[in-house]
N, C-alpha and C. Protein backbone atom coordinates (compact mmCIF):
# COMPACT_ATOMS: atom_id res chain seq x y z
N UNK A 1 -8.02 16.81 6.17
CA UNK A 1 -7.00 16.94 5.14
C UNK A 1 -5.61 16.67 5.71
N UNK A 2 -5.34 17.21 6.90
CA UNK A 2 -4.03 17.01 7.53
C UNK A 2 -3.78 15.53 7.82
N UNK A 3 -4.84 14.84 8.23
CA UNK A 3 -4.72 13.41 8.53
C UNK A 3 -4.33 12.63 7.27
N UNK A 4 -4.94 12.99 6.15
CA UNK A 4 -4.64 12.34 4.88
C UNK A 4 -3.20 12.61 4.47
N UNK A 5 -2.74 13.85 4.66
CA UNK A 5 -1.35 14.18 4.32
C UNK A 5 -0.38 13.35 5.17
N UNK A 6 -0.70 13.23 6.44
CA UNK A 6 0.18 12.43 7.32
C UNK A 6 0.22 10.98 6.87
N UNK A 7 -0.95 10.42 6.53
CA UNK A 7 -0.99 9.03 6.08
C UNK A 7 -0.25 8.87 4.76
N UNK A 8 -0.31 9.88 3.88
CA UNK A 8 0.43 9.83 2.61
C UNK A 8 1.92 9.72 2.89
N UNK A 9 2.42 10.55 3.80
CA UNK A 9 3.84 10.50 4.14
C UNK A 9 4.21 9.16 4.75
N UNK A 10 3.37 8.68 5.66
CA UNK A 10 3.68 7.41 6.33
C UNK A 10 3.73 6.27 5.33
N UNK A 11 2.70 6.15 4.50
CA UNK A 11 2.69 5.05 3.52
C UNK A 11 3.78 5.21 2.48
N UNK A 12 4.00 6.44 2.03
CA UNK A 12 5.06 6.68 1.06
C UNK A 12 6.42 6.28 1.60
N UNK A 13 6.71 6.70 2.82
CA UNK A 13 8.00 6.36 3.43
C UNK A 13 8.10 4.86 3.72
N UNK A 14 6.99 4.25 4.11
CA UNK A 14 6.98 2.81 4.35
C UNK A 14 7.31 2.04 3.07
N UNK A 15 6.69 2.42 1.97
CA UNK A 15 6.96 1.75 0.70
C UNK A 15 8.40 1.99 0.24
N UNK A 16 8.89 3.22 0.41
CA UNK A 16 10.27 3.52 0.03
C UNK A 16 11.25 2.71 0.87
N UNK A 17 10.98 2.62 2.17
CA UNK A 17 11.85 1.83 3.04
C UNK A 17 11.80 0.35 2.68
N UNK A 18 10.62 -0.16 2.38
CA UNK A 18 10.49 -1.57 1.98
C UNK A 18 11.28 -1.83 0.70
N UNK A 19 11.24 -0.88 -0.23
CA UNK A 19 12.00 -1.03 -1.47
C UNK A 19 13.49 -1.13 -1.16
N UNK A 20 13.99 -0.20 -0.33
CA UNK A 20 15.41 -0.21 0.02
C UNK A 20 15.78 -1.52 0.71
N UNK A 21 14.92 -2.00 1.59
CA UNK A 21 15.19 -3.27 2.28
C UNK A 21 15.25 -4.44 1.29
N UNK A 22 14.37 -4.43 0.30
CA UNK A 22 14.40 -5.50 -0.72
C UNK A 22 15.69 -5.45 -1.53
N UNK A 23 16.13 -4.24 -1.87
CA UNK A 23 17.38 -4.10 -2.64
C UNK A 23 18.55 -4.60 -1.79
N UNK A 24 18.59 -4.21 -0.51
CA UNK A 24 19.66 -4.66 0.37
C UNK A 24 19.63 -6.18 0.56
N UNK A 25 18.43 -6.73 0.69
CA UNK A 25 18.29 -8.18 0.83
C UNK A 25 18.81 -8.90 -0.41
N UNK A 26 18.60 -8.27 -1.55
CA UNK A 26 19.05 -8.88 -2.81
C UNK A 26 20.57 -9.04 -2.84
N UNK A 27 21.29 -8.17 -2.14
CA UNK A 27 22.75 -8.32 -2.07
C UNK A 27 23.14 -9.55 -1.26
N UNK A 28 22.35 -9.87 -0.23
CA UNK A 28 22.65 -11.02 0.63
C UNK A 28 22.15 -12.32 0.03
N UNK A 29 20.87 -12.31 -0.34
CA UNK A 29 20.23 -13.49 -0.93
C UNK A 29 19.52 -13.01 -2.20
N UNK A 30 20.07 -13.33 -3.35
CA UNK A 30 19.47 -12.83 -4.59
C UNK A 30 17.99 -13.20 -4.73
N UNK A 31 17.22 -12.23 -5.17
CA UNK A 31 15.80 -12.46 -5.43
C UNK A 31 15.63 -13.28 -6.70
N UNK A 32 14.51 -13.96 -6.79
CA UNK A 32 14.25 -14.75 -7.99
C UNK A 32 13.94 -13.84 -9.17
N UNK A 33 14.10 -14.38 -10.36
CA UNK A 33 13.86 -13.60 -11.58
C UNK A 33 12.44 -13.05 -11.65
N UNK A 34 11.40 -13.83 -11.29
CA UNK A 34 10.05 -13.26 -11.34
C UNK A 34 9.85 -12.07 -10.39
N UNK A 35 10.48 -12.12 -9.23
CA UNK A 35 10.36 -11.01 -8.28
C UNK A 35 11.05 -9.78 -8.85
N UNK A 36 12.23 -9.96 -9.40
CA UNK A 36 12.94 -8.85 -10.02
C UNK A 36 12.11 -8.26 -11.17
N UNK A 37 11.52 -9.12 -11.95
CA UNK A 37 10.70 -8.66 -13.07
C UNK A 37 9.48 -7.88 -12.57
N UNK A 38 8.87 -8.34 -11.50
CA UNK A 38 7.71 -7.64 -10.93
C UNK A 38 8.11 -6.24 -10.48
N UNK A 39 9.26 -6.11 -9.84
CA UNK A 39 9.74 -4.79 -9.44
C UNK A 39 9.92 -3.88 -10.65
N UNK A 40 10.47 -4.42 -11.71
CA UNK A 40 10.71 -3.60 -12.90
C UNK A 40 9.41 -3.22 -13.61
N UNK A 41 8.37 -4.02 -13.46
CA UNK A 41 7.07 -3.68 -14.03
C UNK A 41 6.40 -2.59 -13.19
N UNK A 42 6.40 -2.78 -11.87
CA UNK A 42 5.74 -1.82 -10.98
C UNK A 42 6.51 -0.51 -10.85
N UNK A 43 7.81 -0.56 -11.05
CA UNK A 43 8.66 0.63 -10.95
C UNK A 43 9.39 0.80 -12.28
N UNK A 44 8.73 1.36 -13.28
CA UNK A 44 9.27 1.35 -14.64
C UNK A 44 10.61 2.06 -14.83
N UNK A 45 10.97 3.00 -13.96
CA UNK A 45 12.25 3.68 -14.12
C UNK A 45 13.41 2.94 -13.47
N UNK A 46 13.10 1.85 -12.76
CA UNK A 46 14.11 1.12 -12.01
C UNK A 46 14.54 -0.14 -12.75
N UNK A 47 15.85 -0.36 -12.81
CA UNK A 47 16.42 -1.58 -13.39
C UNK A 47 17.42 -2.15 -12.39
N UNK A 48 17.31 -3.45 -12.10
CA UNK A 48 18.19 -4.08 -11.11
C UNK A 48 19.66 -3.94 -11.47
N UNK A 49 19.98 -3.99 -12.75
CA UNK A 49 21.38 -4.00 -13.17
C UNK A 49 22.01 -2.62 -13.13
N UNK A 50 21.22 -1.56 -12.94
CA UNK A 50 21.73 -0.20 -13.01
C UNK A 50 21.57 0.50 -11.65
N UNK A 51 22.68 0.66 -10.94
CA UNK A 51 22.65 1.30 -9.62
C UNK A 51 22.14 2.74 -9.71
N UNK A 52 22.34 3.38 -10.83
CA UNK A 52 21.91 4.77 -10.99
C UNK A 52 20.38 4.92 -10.93
N UNK A 53 19.67 3.82 -11.11
CA UNK A 53 18.20 3.89 -11.09
C UNK A 53 17.63 3.66 -9.68
N UNK A 54 18.48 3.39 -8.69
CA UNK A 54 17.99 3.19 -7.32
C UNK A 54 17.19 4.38 -6.80
N UNK A 55 17.66 5.63 -6.95
CA UNK A 55 16.84 6.75 -6.47
C UNK A 55 15.47 6.83 -7.16
N UNK A 56 15.43 6.46 -8.43
CA UNK A 56 14.15 6.45 -9.14
C UNK A 56 13.23 5.41 -8.51
N UNK A 57 13.77 4.24 -8.18
CA UNK A 57 12.99 3.20 -7.53
C UNK A 57 12.45 3.64 -6.18
N UNK A 58 13.27 4.37 -5.42
CA UNK A 58 12.82 4.88 -4.12
C UNK A 58 11.67 5.87 -4.31
N UNK A 59 11.82 6.78 -5.25
CA UNK A 59 10.77 7.78 -5.50
C UNK A 59 9.49 7.10 -5.99
N UNK A 60 9.63 6.18 -6.91
CA UNK A 60 8.44 5.48 -7.42
C UNK A 60 7.76 4.66 -6.33
N UNK A 61 8.52 4.04 -5.46
CA UNK A 61 7.94 3.30 -4.34
C UNK A 61 7.18 4.25 -3.42
N UNK A 62 7.78 5.39 -3.12
CA UNK A 62 7.11 6.41 -2.31
C UNK A 62 5.78 6.81 -2.95
N UNK A 63 5.80 7.03 -4.26
CA UNK A 63 4.58 7.45 -4.96
C UNK A 63 3.51 6.36 -4.94
N UNK A 64 3.90 5.07 -4.94
CA UNK A 64 2.92 3.99 -4.81
C UNK A 64 2.19 4.10 -3.47
N UNK A 65 2.93 4.40 -2.40
CA UNK A 65 2.31 4.57 -1.09
C UNK A 65 1.34 5.73 -1.07
N UNK A 66 1.73 6.84 -1.69
CA UNK A 66 0.85 8.02 -1.77
C UNK A 66 -0.39 7.67 -2.60
N UNK A 67 -0.20 6.96 -3.69
CA UNK A 67 -1.32 6.55 -4.55
C UNK A 67 -2.33 5.72 -3.76
N UNK A 68 -1.83 4.78 -2.97
CA UNK A 68 -2.75 3.95 -2.17
C UNK A 68 -3.59 4.81 -1.23
N UNK A 69 -2.95 5.77 -0.57
CA UNK A 69 -3.68 6.61 0.37
C UNK A 69 -4.66 7.54 -0.34
N UNK A 70 -4.25 8.11 -1.44
CA UNK A 70 -5.08 9.13 -2.10
C UNK A 70 -6.19 8.55 -2.98
N UNK A 71 -5.95 7.37 -3.54
CA UNK A 71 -6.92 6.82 -4.51
C UNK A 71 -7.56 5.53 -4.01
N UNK A 72 -6.74 4.55 -3.69
CA UNK A 72 -7.30 3.22 -3.39
C UNK A 72 -8.04 3.16 -2.06
N UNK A 73 -7.50 3.74 -1.00
CA UNK A 73 -8.17 3.66 0.29
C UNK A 73 -9.54 4.35 0.28
N UNK A 74 -9.67 5.55 -0.33
CA UNK A 74 -11.01 6.15 -0.40
C UNK A 74 -12.00 5.28 -1.18
N UNK A 75 -11.54 4.64 -2.24
CA UNK A 75 -12.43 3.76 -3.02
C UNK A 75 -12.86 2.57 -2.16
N UNK A 76 -11.90 1.95 -1.47
CA UNK A 76 -12.23 0.82 -0.61
C UNK A 76 -13.16 1.24 0.52
N UNK A 77 -12.93 2.42 1.07
CA UNK A 77 -13.79 2.93 2.14
C UNK A 77 -15.22 3.16 1.62
N UNK A 78 -15.32 3.66 0.40
CA UNK A 78 -16.63 3.90 -0.19
C UNK A 78 -17.40 2.57 -0.32
N UNK A 79 -16.72 1.52 -0.82
CA UNK A 79 -17.38 0.23 -0.94
C UNK A 79 -17.71 -0.35 0.42
N UNK A 80 -16.86 -0.13 1.39
CA UNK A 80 -17.10 -0.62 2.74
C UNK A 80 -18.32 0.07 3.35
N UNK A 81 -18.46 1.37 3.13
CA UNK A 81 -19.62 2.10 3.66
C UNK A 81 -20.91 1.64 2.99
N UNK A 82 -20.84 1.30 1.72
CA UNK A 82 -22.02 0.79 1.03
C UNK A 82 -22.42 -0.56 1.60
N UNK A 83 -21.44 -1.36 1.94
CA UNK A 83 -21.72 -2.69 2.48
C UNK A 83 -22.28 -2.60 3.89
N UNK A 84 -21.79 -1.66 4.67
CA UNK A 84 -22.22 -1.50 6.06
C UNK A 84 -23.14 -0.28 6.17
N UNK A 85 -24.21 -0.33 5.49
CA UNK A 85 -25.20 0.76 5.53
C UNK A 85 -25.71 0.88 6.97
N UNK A 86 -26.02 2.09 7.45
CA UNK A 86 -26.45 2.28 8.84
C UNK A 86 -27.60 1.38 9.26
N UNK A 87 -28.57 1.16 8.38
CA UNK A 87 -29.69 0.30 8.77
C UNK A 87 -29.22 -1.14 8.93
N UNK A 88 -28.27 -1.54 8.11
CA UNK A 88 -27.72 -2.89 8.21
C UNK A 88 -27.00 -3.04 9.55
N UNK A 89 -26.23 -2.03 9.94
CA UNK A 89 -25.50 -2.09 11.21
C UNK A 89 -26.46 -2.09 12.40
N UNK A 90 -27.52 -1.29 12.32
CA UNK A 90 -28.49 -1.24 13.41
C UNK A 90 -29.17 -2.60 13.56
N UNK A 91 -29.56 -3.22 12.45
CA UNK A 91 -30.20 -4.53 12.53
C UNK A 91 -29.24 -5.56 13.10
N UNK A 92 -27.98 -5.47 12.72
CA UNK A 92 -26.98 -6.40 13.20
C UNK A 92 -26.77 -6.22 14.71
N UNK A 93 -26.73 -4.97 15.17
CA UNK A 93 -26.56 -4.70 16.60
C UNK A 93 -27.73 -5.27 17.39
N UNK A 94 -28.96 -5.11 16.90
CA UNK A 94 -30.13 -5.67 17.58
C UNK A 94 -30.05 -7.19 17.64
N UNK A 95 -29.57 -7.79 16.55
CA UNK A 95 -29.44 -9.24 16.48
C UNK A 95 -28.44 -9.74 17.52
N UNK A 96 -27.29 -9.07 17.63
CA UNK A 96 -26.27 -9.46 18.59
C UNK A 96 -26.79 -9.26 20.02
N UNK A 97 -27.46 -8.13 20.27
CA UNK A 97 -27.99 -7.84 21.60
C UNK A 97 -29.04 -8.88 22.00
N UNK A 98 -29.87 -9.28 21.05
CA UNK A 98 -30.93 -10.25 21.33
C UNK A 98 -30.33 -11.60 21.74
N UNK A 99 -29.26 -12.03 21.04
CA UNK A 99 -28.64 -13.32 21.35
C UNK A 99 -27.79 -13.27 22.60
N UNK A 100 -27.34 -12.11 23.01
CA UNK A 100 -26.51 -11.99 24.22
C UNK A 100 -27.34 -12.12 25.49
N UNK A 101 -28.62 -11.82 25.40
CA UNK A 101 -29.48 -11.83 26.60
C UNK A 101 -29.89 -13.22 27.02
């Protein structure tokens, strides 16, 4: 459980930092309209034209990172475990060992 909490913080902070970096980059080199639109779809409380919504964008970005850790990664891991069933891995190991000799 502690490991999952740590990963939630790491991914959440990474996403929040990436959001801030994108906003700062936009001041130097404006982002294209489709990219801005994508941000507004993925972060519904954030609007590029309204500086007051920046904290909302940071929080929503953080929550996307937490969502990935809490929901998406376990689902992907479950599918990965189904694909790499122990008998499948054992047969694969024997196959590799046989060809290495």
